[in-house]
N, C-alpha and C. Protein backbone atom coordinates (compact mmCIF):
# COMPACT_ATOMS: atom_id res chain seq x y z
N MET A 1 2.97 5.25 -10.08
CA MET A 1 1.66 5.45 -9.49
C MET A 1 0.81 6.26 -10.45
N SER A 2 -0.46 6.07 -10.36
CA SER A 2 -1.34 6.80 -11.26
C SER A 2 -1.37 8.26 -10.85
N ASP A 3 -1.68 9.12 -11.82
CA ASP A 3 -1.68 10.55 -11.55
C ASP A 3 -2.86 10.97 -10.68
N GLU A 4 -4.07 10.62 -11.11
CA GLU A 4 -5.26 10.98 -10.37
C GLU A 4 -6.14 9.75 -10.18
N PRO A 5 -5.94 9.02 -9.10
CA PRO A 5 -6.74 7.82 -8.88
C PRO A 5 -8.20 8.17 -8.66
N GLN A 6 -9.07 7.32 -9.17
CA GLN A 6 -10.50 7.50 -9.00
C GLN A 6 -10.92 6.87 -7.68
N SER A 7 -11.91 7.46 -7.05
CA SER A 7 -12.42 6.92 -5.80
C SER A 7 -12.87 5.48 -6.01
N GLY A 8 -12.46 4.61 -5.10
CA GLY A 8 -12.84 3.21 -5.18
C GLY A 8 -11.92 2.37 -6.04
N GLN A 9 -11.08 2.99 -6.84
CA GLN A 9 -10.13 2.26 -7.67
C GLN A 9 -8.85 2.03 -6.89
N PRO A 10 -8.20 0.87 -7.11
CA PRO A 10 -6.93 0.62 -6.42
C PRO A 10 -5.87 1.66 -6.79
N LEU A 11 -5.04 1.98 -5.85
CA LEU A 11 -3.90 2.86 -6.08
C LEU A 11 -2.75 1.98 -6.56
N ARG A 12 -2.35 2.15 -7.80
CA ARG A 12 -1.32 1.30 -8.38
C ARG A 12 0.06 1.86 -8.05
N LEU A 13 0.87 1.05 -7.39
CA LEU A 13 2.19 1.48 -6.97
C LEU A 13 3.17 1.50 -8.14
N ALA A 14 4.15 2.37 -8.02
CA ALA A 14 5.23 2.46 -9.01
C ALA A 14 6.12 1.24 -8.89
N SER A 15 6.93 1.01 -9.90
CA SER A 15 7.83 -0.15 -9.87
C SER A 15 8.97 0.05 -8.88
N ARG A 16 9.36 1.29 -8.68
CA ARG A 16 10.46 1.59 -7.77
C ARG A 16 9.95 2.48 -6.64
N LEU A 17 9.93 1.93 -5.44
CA LEU A 17 9.45 2.67 -4.27
C LEU A 17 10.62 2.96 -3.34
N ASP A 18 11.40 3.95 -3.74
CA ASP A 18 12.54 4.37 -2.94
C ASP A 18 12.12 5.57 -2.08
N VAL A 19 13.08 6.25 -1.47
CA VAL A 19 12.78 7.37 -0.59
C VAL A 19 12.01 8.47 -1.33
N VAL A 20 12.42 8.78 -2.52
CA VAL A 20 11.75 9.83 -3.30
C VAL A 20 10.31 9.42 -3.63
N ALA A 21 10.13 8.19 -4.05
CA ALA A 21 8.79 7.70 -4.39
C ALA A 21 7.89 7.62 -3.16
N ALA A 22 8.48 7.42 -1.99
CA ALA A 22 7.69 7.35 -0.76
C ALA A 22 6.96 8.67 -0.51
N GLU A 23 7.58 9.78 -0.85
CA GLU A 23 6.92 11.08 -0.69
C GLU A 23 5.69 11.17 -1.59
N GLU A 24 5.82 10.75 -2.82
CA GLU A 24 4.68 10.77 -3.74
C GLU A 24 3.60 9.79 -3.27
N LEU A 25 4.03 8.62 -2.82
CA LEU A 25 3.08 7.63 -2.30
C LEU A 25 2.29 8.21 -1.14
N HIS A 26 2.98 8.90 -0.25
CA HIS A 26 2.32 9.53 0.90
C HIS A 26 1.24 10.51 0.42
N ALA A 27 1.58 11.32 -0.55
CA ALA A 27 0.61 12.29 -1.09
C ALA A 27 -0.59 11.58 -1.71
N GLN A 28 -0.34 10.51 -2.45
CA GLN A 28 -1.43 9.76 -3.07
C GLN A 28 -2.32 9.11 -2.02
N VAL A 29 -1.72 8.55 -0.99
CA VAL A 29 -2.49 7.92 0.08
C VAL A 29 -3.35 8.95 0.80
N LEU A 30 -2.80 10.13 1.06
CA LEU A 30 -3.57 11.18 1.73
C LEU A 30 -4.82 11.56 0.93
N LYS A 31 -4.74 11.52 -0.39
CA LYS A 31 -5.90 11.80 -1.23
C LYS A 31 -6.98 10.74 -1.05
N ARG A 32 -6.57 9.54 -0.72
CA ARG A 32 -7.49 8.41 -0.64
C ARG A 32 -8.11 8.19 0.73
N VAL A 33 -7.42 8.52 1.80
CA VAL A 33 -7.93 8.16 3.12
C VAL A 33 -9.17 8.94 3.53
N SER A 34 -9.51 9.98 2.80
CA SER A 34 -10.74 10.71 3.12
C SER A 34 -11.97 10.02 2.54
N ASP A 35 -11.76 9.07 1.65
CA ASP A 35 -12.87 8.32 1.08
C ASP A 35 -13.43 7.35 2.11
N ASP A 36 -14.69 6.97 1.93
CA ASP A 36 -15.30 5.97 2.80
C ASP A 36 -14.96 4.55 2.35
N ASP A 37 -14.44 4.42 1.15
CA ASP A 37 -14.12 3.11 0.61
C ASP A 37 -12.89 2.52 1.27
N PRO A 38 -12.75 1.19 1.18
CA PRO A 38 -11.49 0.58 1.62
C PRO A 38 -10.36 1.16 0.77
N LEU A 39 -9.18 1.19 1.32
CA LEU A 39 -8.01 1.65 0.57
C LEU A 39 -7.33 0.42 -0.01
N SER A 40 -7.36 0.29 -1.33
CA SER A 40 -6.75 -0.84 -2.02
C SER A 40 -5.49 -0.38 -2.73
N ILE A 41 -4.43 -1.13 -2.52
CA ILE A 41 -3.13 -0.84 -3.11
C ILE A 41 -2.78 -1.96 -4.07
N ASP A 42 -2.54 -1.63 -5.33
CA ASP A 42 -2.16 -2.62 -6.33
C ASP A 42 -0.64 -2.62 -6.43
N ALA A 43 -0.02 -3.73 -6.02
CA ALA A 43 1.43 -3.81 -5.94
C ALA A 43 2.05 -4.68 -7.03
N ARG A 44 1.35 -4.88 -8.14
CA ARG A 44 1.83 -5.78 -9.19
C ARG A 44 3.11 -5.32 -9.86
N ASP A 45 3.35 -4.02 -9.93
CA ASP A 45 4.50 -3.49 -10.66
C ASP A 45 5.75 -3.29 -9.81
N VAL A 46 5.64 -3.51 -8.51
CA VAL A 46 6.75 -3.22 -7.60
C VAL A 46 7.92 -4.17 -7.86
N GLU A 47 9.06 -3.55 -8.16
CA GLU A 47 10.30 -4.30 -8.36
C GLU A 47 11.29 -4.03 -7.24
N LEU A 48 11.18 -2.86 -6.64
CA LEU A 48 12.05 -2.47 -5.53
C LEU A 48 11.23 -1.66 -4.55
N VAL A 49 11.36 -1.99 -3.28
CA VAL A 49 10.64 -1.23 -2.26
C VAL A 49 11.56 -1.04 -1.06
N ASP A 50 11.72 0.22 -0.65
CA ASP A 50 12.55 0.57 0.49
C ASP A 50 11.67 0.78 1.72
N THR A 51 12.30 0.80 2.85
CA THR A 51 11.60 0.94 4.13
C THR A 51 10.69 2.17 4.21
N PRO A 52 11.09 3.36 3.71
CA PRO A 52 10.18 4.51 3.82
C PRO A 52 8.82 4.28 3.15
N ALA A 53 8.79 3.58 2.05
CA ALA A 53 7.52 3.31 1.38
C ALA A 53 6.67 2.34 2.21
N ILE A 54 7.32 1.35 2.79
CA ILE A 54 6.61 0.42 3.67
C ILE A 54 6.05 1.17 4.88
N GLN A 55 6.81 2.13 5.40
CA GLN A 55 6.34 2.93 6.53
C GLN A 55 5.09 3.72 6.17
N VAL A 56 5.04 4.25 4.96
CA VAL A 56 3.85 4.97 4.50
C VAL A 56 2.66 4.02 4.48
N LEU A 57 2.87 2.81 3.98
CA LEU A 57 1.78 1.84 3.91
C LEU A 57 1.34 1.39 5.30
N LEU A 58 2.28 1.19 6.20
CA LEU A 58 1.93 0.83 7.57
C LEU A 58 1.07 1.91 8.23
N ALA A 59 1.45 3.17 8.03
CA ALA A 59 0.68 4.29 8.60
C ALA A 59 -0.71 4.36 7.98
N ALA A 60 -0.79 4.15 6.68
CA ALA A 60 -2.10 4.17 6.01
C ALA A 60 -2.99 3.04 6.51
N ALA A 61 -2.41 1.86 6.68
CA ALA A 61 -3.17 0.72 7.18
C ALA A 61 -3.68 0.99 8.60
N ALA A 62 -2.83 1.57 9.44
CA ALA A 62 -3.24 1.89 10.81
C ALA A 62 -4.35 2.93 10.81
N HIS A 63 -4.25 3.91 9.94
CA HIS A 63 -5.28 4.94 9.84
C HIS A 63 -6.62 4.32 9.42
N GLN A 64 -6.56 3.45 8.44
CA GLN A 64 -7.79 2.78 7.98
C GLN A 64 -8.41 1.97 9.12
N LEU A 65 -7.58 1.23 9.84
CA LEU A 65 -8.07 0.43 10.95
C LEU A 65 -8.72 1.31 12.01
N ASP A 66 -8.11 2.44 12.31
CA ASP A 66 -8.66 3.38 13.31
C ASP A 66 -10.04 3.88 12.92
N ARG A 67 -10.28 4.01 11.62
CA ARG A 67 -11.59 4.51 11.19
C ARG A 67 -12.56 3.39 10.83
N GLY A 68 -12.12 2.14 11.06
CA GLY A 68 -12.99 1.00 10.79
C GLY A 68 -13.08 0.64 9.32
N ALA A 69 -12.11 1.06 8.55
CA ALA A 69 -12.09 0.78 7.11
C ALA A 69 -11.00 -0.24 6.80
N ARG A 70 -11.12 -0.88 5.65
CA ARG A 70 -10.16 -1.91 5.26
C ARG A 70 -8.99 -1.31 4.49
N PHE A 71 -7.86 -1.99 4.60
CA PHE A 71 -6.65 -1.69 3.84
C PHE A 71 -6.25 -2.99 3.15
N LEU A 72 -6.18 -2.96 1.83
CA LEU A 72 -5.89 -4.17 1.07
C LEU A 72 -4.70 -3.96 0.15
N VAL A 73 -3.90 -4.99 0.00
CA VAL A 73 -2.87 -5.02 -1.03
C VAL A 73 -3.28 -6.12 -2.00
N ILE A 74 -3.47 -5.72 -3.25
CA ILE A 74 -3.87 -6.69 -4.27
C ILE A 74 -2.72 -6.88 -5.26
N ASN A 75 -2.67 -8.02 -5.86
CA ASN A 75 -1.66 -8.35 -6.87
C ASN A 75 -0.23 -8.07 -6.41
N PRO A 76 0.14 -8.51 -5.21
CA PRO A 76 1.49 -8.19 -4.75
C PRO A 76 2.56 -8.88 -5.60
N SER A 77 3.56 -8.13 -5.99
CA SER A 77 4.68 -8.71 -6.73
C SER A 77 5.54 -9.52 -5.76
N THR A 78 6.38 -10.35 -6.32
CA THR A 78 7.31 -11.13 -5.51
C THR A 78 8.22 -10.19 -4.71
N ALA A 79 8.69 -9.12 -5.34
CA ALA A 79 9.58 -8.17 -4.67
C ALA A 79 8.88 -7.51 -3.48
N PHE A 80 7.61 -7.18 -3.63
CA PHE A 80 6.85 -6.57 -2.53
C PHE A 80 6.72 -7.56 -1.37
N ALA A 81 6.32 -8.78 -1.68
CA ALA A 81 6.14 -9.80 -0.65
C ALA A 81 7.47 -10.09 0.06
N GLU A 82 8.54 -10.18 -0.70
CA GLU A 82 9.85 -10.44 -0.10
C GLU A 82 10.31 -9.31 0.81
N ALA A 83 10.03 -8.08 0.42
CA ALA A 83 10.40 -6.93 1.26
C ALA A 83 9.64 -6.97 2.58
N MET A 84 8.37 -7.29 2.52
CA MET A 84 7.58 -7.38 3.75
C MET A 84 8.13 -8.47 4.67
N THR A 85 8.50 -9.60 4.09
CA THR A 85 9.06 -10.70 4.87
C THR A 85 10.42 -10.31 5.45
N LEU A 86 11.26 -9.70 4.63
CA LEU A 86 12.58 -9.28 5.07
C LEU A 86 12.51 -8.32 6.26
N LEU A 87 11.49 -7.48 6.26
CA LEU A 87 11.33 -6.50 7.34
C LEU A 87 10.57 -7.08 8.55
N GLY A 88 10.26 -8.37 8.49
CA GLY A 88 9.55 -9.00 9.61
C GLY A 88 8.08 -8.65 9.66
N LEU A 89 7.51 -8.33 8.51
CA LEU A 89 6.12 -7.89 8.45
C LEU A 89 5.21 -8.88 7.74
N SER A 90 5.55 -10.14 7.81
CA SER A 90 4.74 -11.17 7.15
C SER A 90 3.30 -11.18 7.66
N SER A 91 3.11 -10.98 8.97
CA SER A 91 1.75 -11.00 9.51
C SER A 91 0.94 -9.80 9.00
N LYS A 92 1.59 -8.65 8.88
CA LYS A 92 0.90 -7.47 8.32
C LYS A 92 0.53 -7.73 6.86
N PHE A 93 1.47 -8.31 6.12
CA PHE A 93 1.22 -8.62 4.72
C PHE A 93 0.02 -9.56 4.58
N GLU A 94 -0.08 -10.54 5.45
CA GLU A 94 -1.22 -11.45 5.42
C GLU A 94 -2.52 -10.71 5.75
N GLU A 95 -2.47 -9.80 6.70
CA GLU A 95 -3.65 -9.01 7.05
C GLU A 95 -4.12 -8.19 5.85
N TRP A 96 -3.16 -7.68 5.10
CA TRP A 96 -3.48 -6.81 3.96
C TRP A 96 -3.88 -7.59 2.71
N SER A 97 -3.68 -8.88 2.72
CA SER A 97 -3.91 -9.70 1.54
C SER A 97 -5.37 -9.67 1.11
N GLU A 98 -5.58 -9.66 -0.18
CA GLU A 98 -6.94 -9.66 -0.71
C GLU A 98 -7.67 -10.95 -0.37
N THR A 99 -6.96 -12.01 -0.02
CA THR A 99 -7.61 -13.27 0.31
C THR A 99 -8.17 -13.29 1.72
N ASN A 100 -7.78 -12.32 2.55
CA ASN A 100 -8.35 -12.22 3.89
C ASN A 100 -9.61 -11.39 3.84
N GLY A 101 -10.73 -12.04 3.91
CA GLY A 101 -12.03 -11.53 3.76
C GLY A 101 -12.43 -10.25 4.24
């Protein structure tokens, strides 16, 4: 993940999103949810993603929805998409897709 994401820029995920990385992801997301911009997550580098990281993203997406803001996942890697499907979250993944207007 990037060290200091700029407002409006996508938050680029690390290649390995395990339990330890989920804590950092949570901190990065908290920095972003105060912005008025949509929260965009760039998942191109994800090679492994565990449930705690997905839980952070689910919470962030729900928070964005509650405030009337968008939550987007752009450039999802195959591993990211497969993890969402494996966890039964295909519909959420589609909602988060950059192709959904």
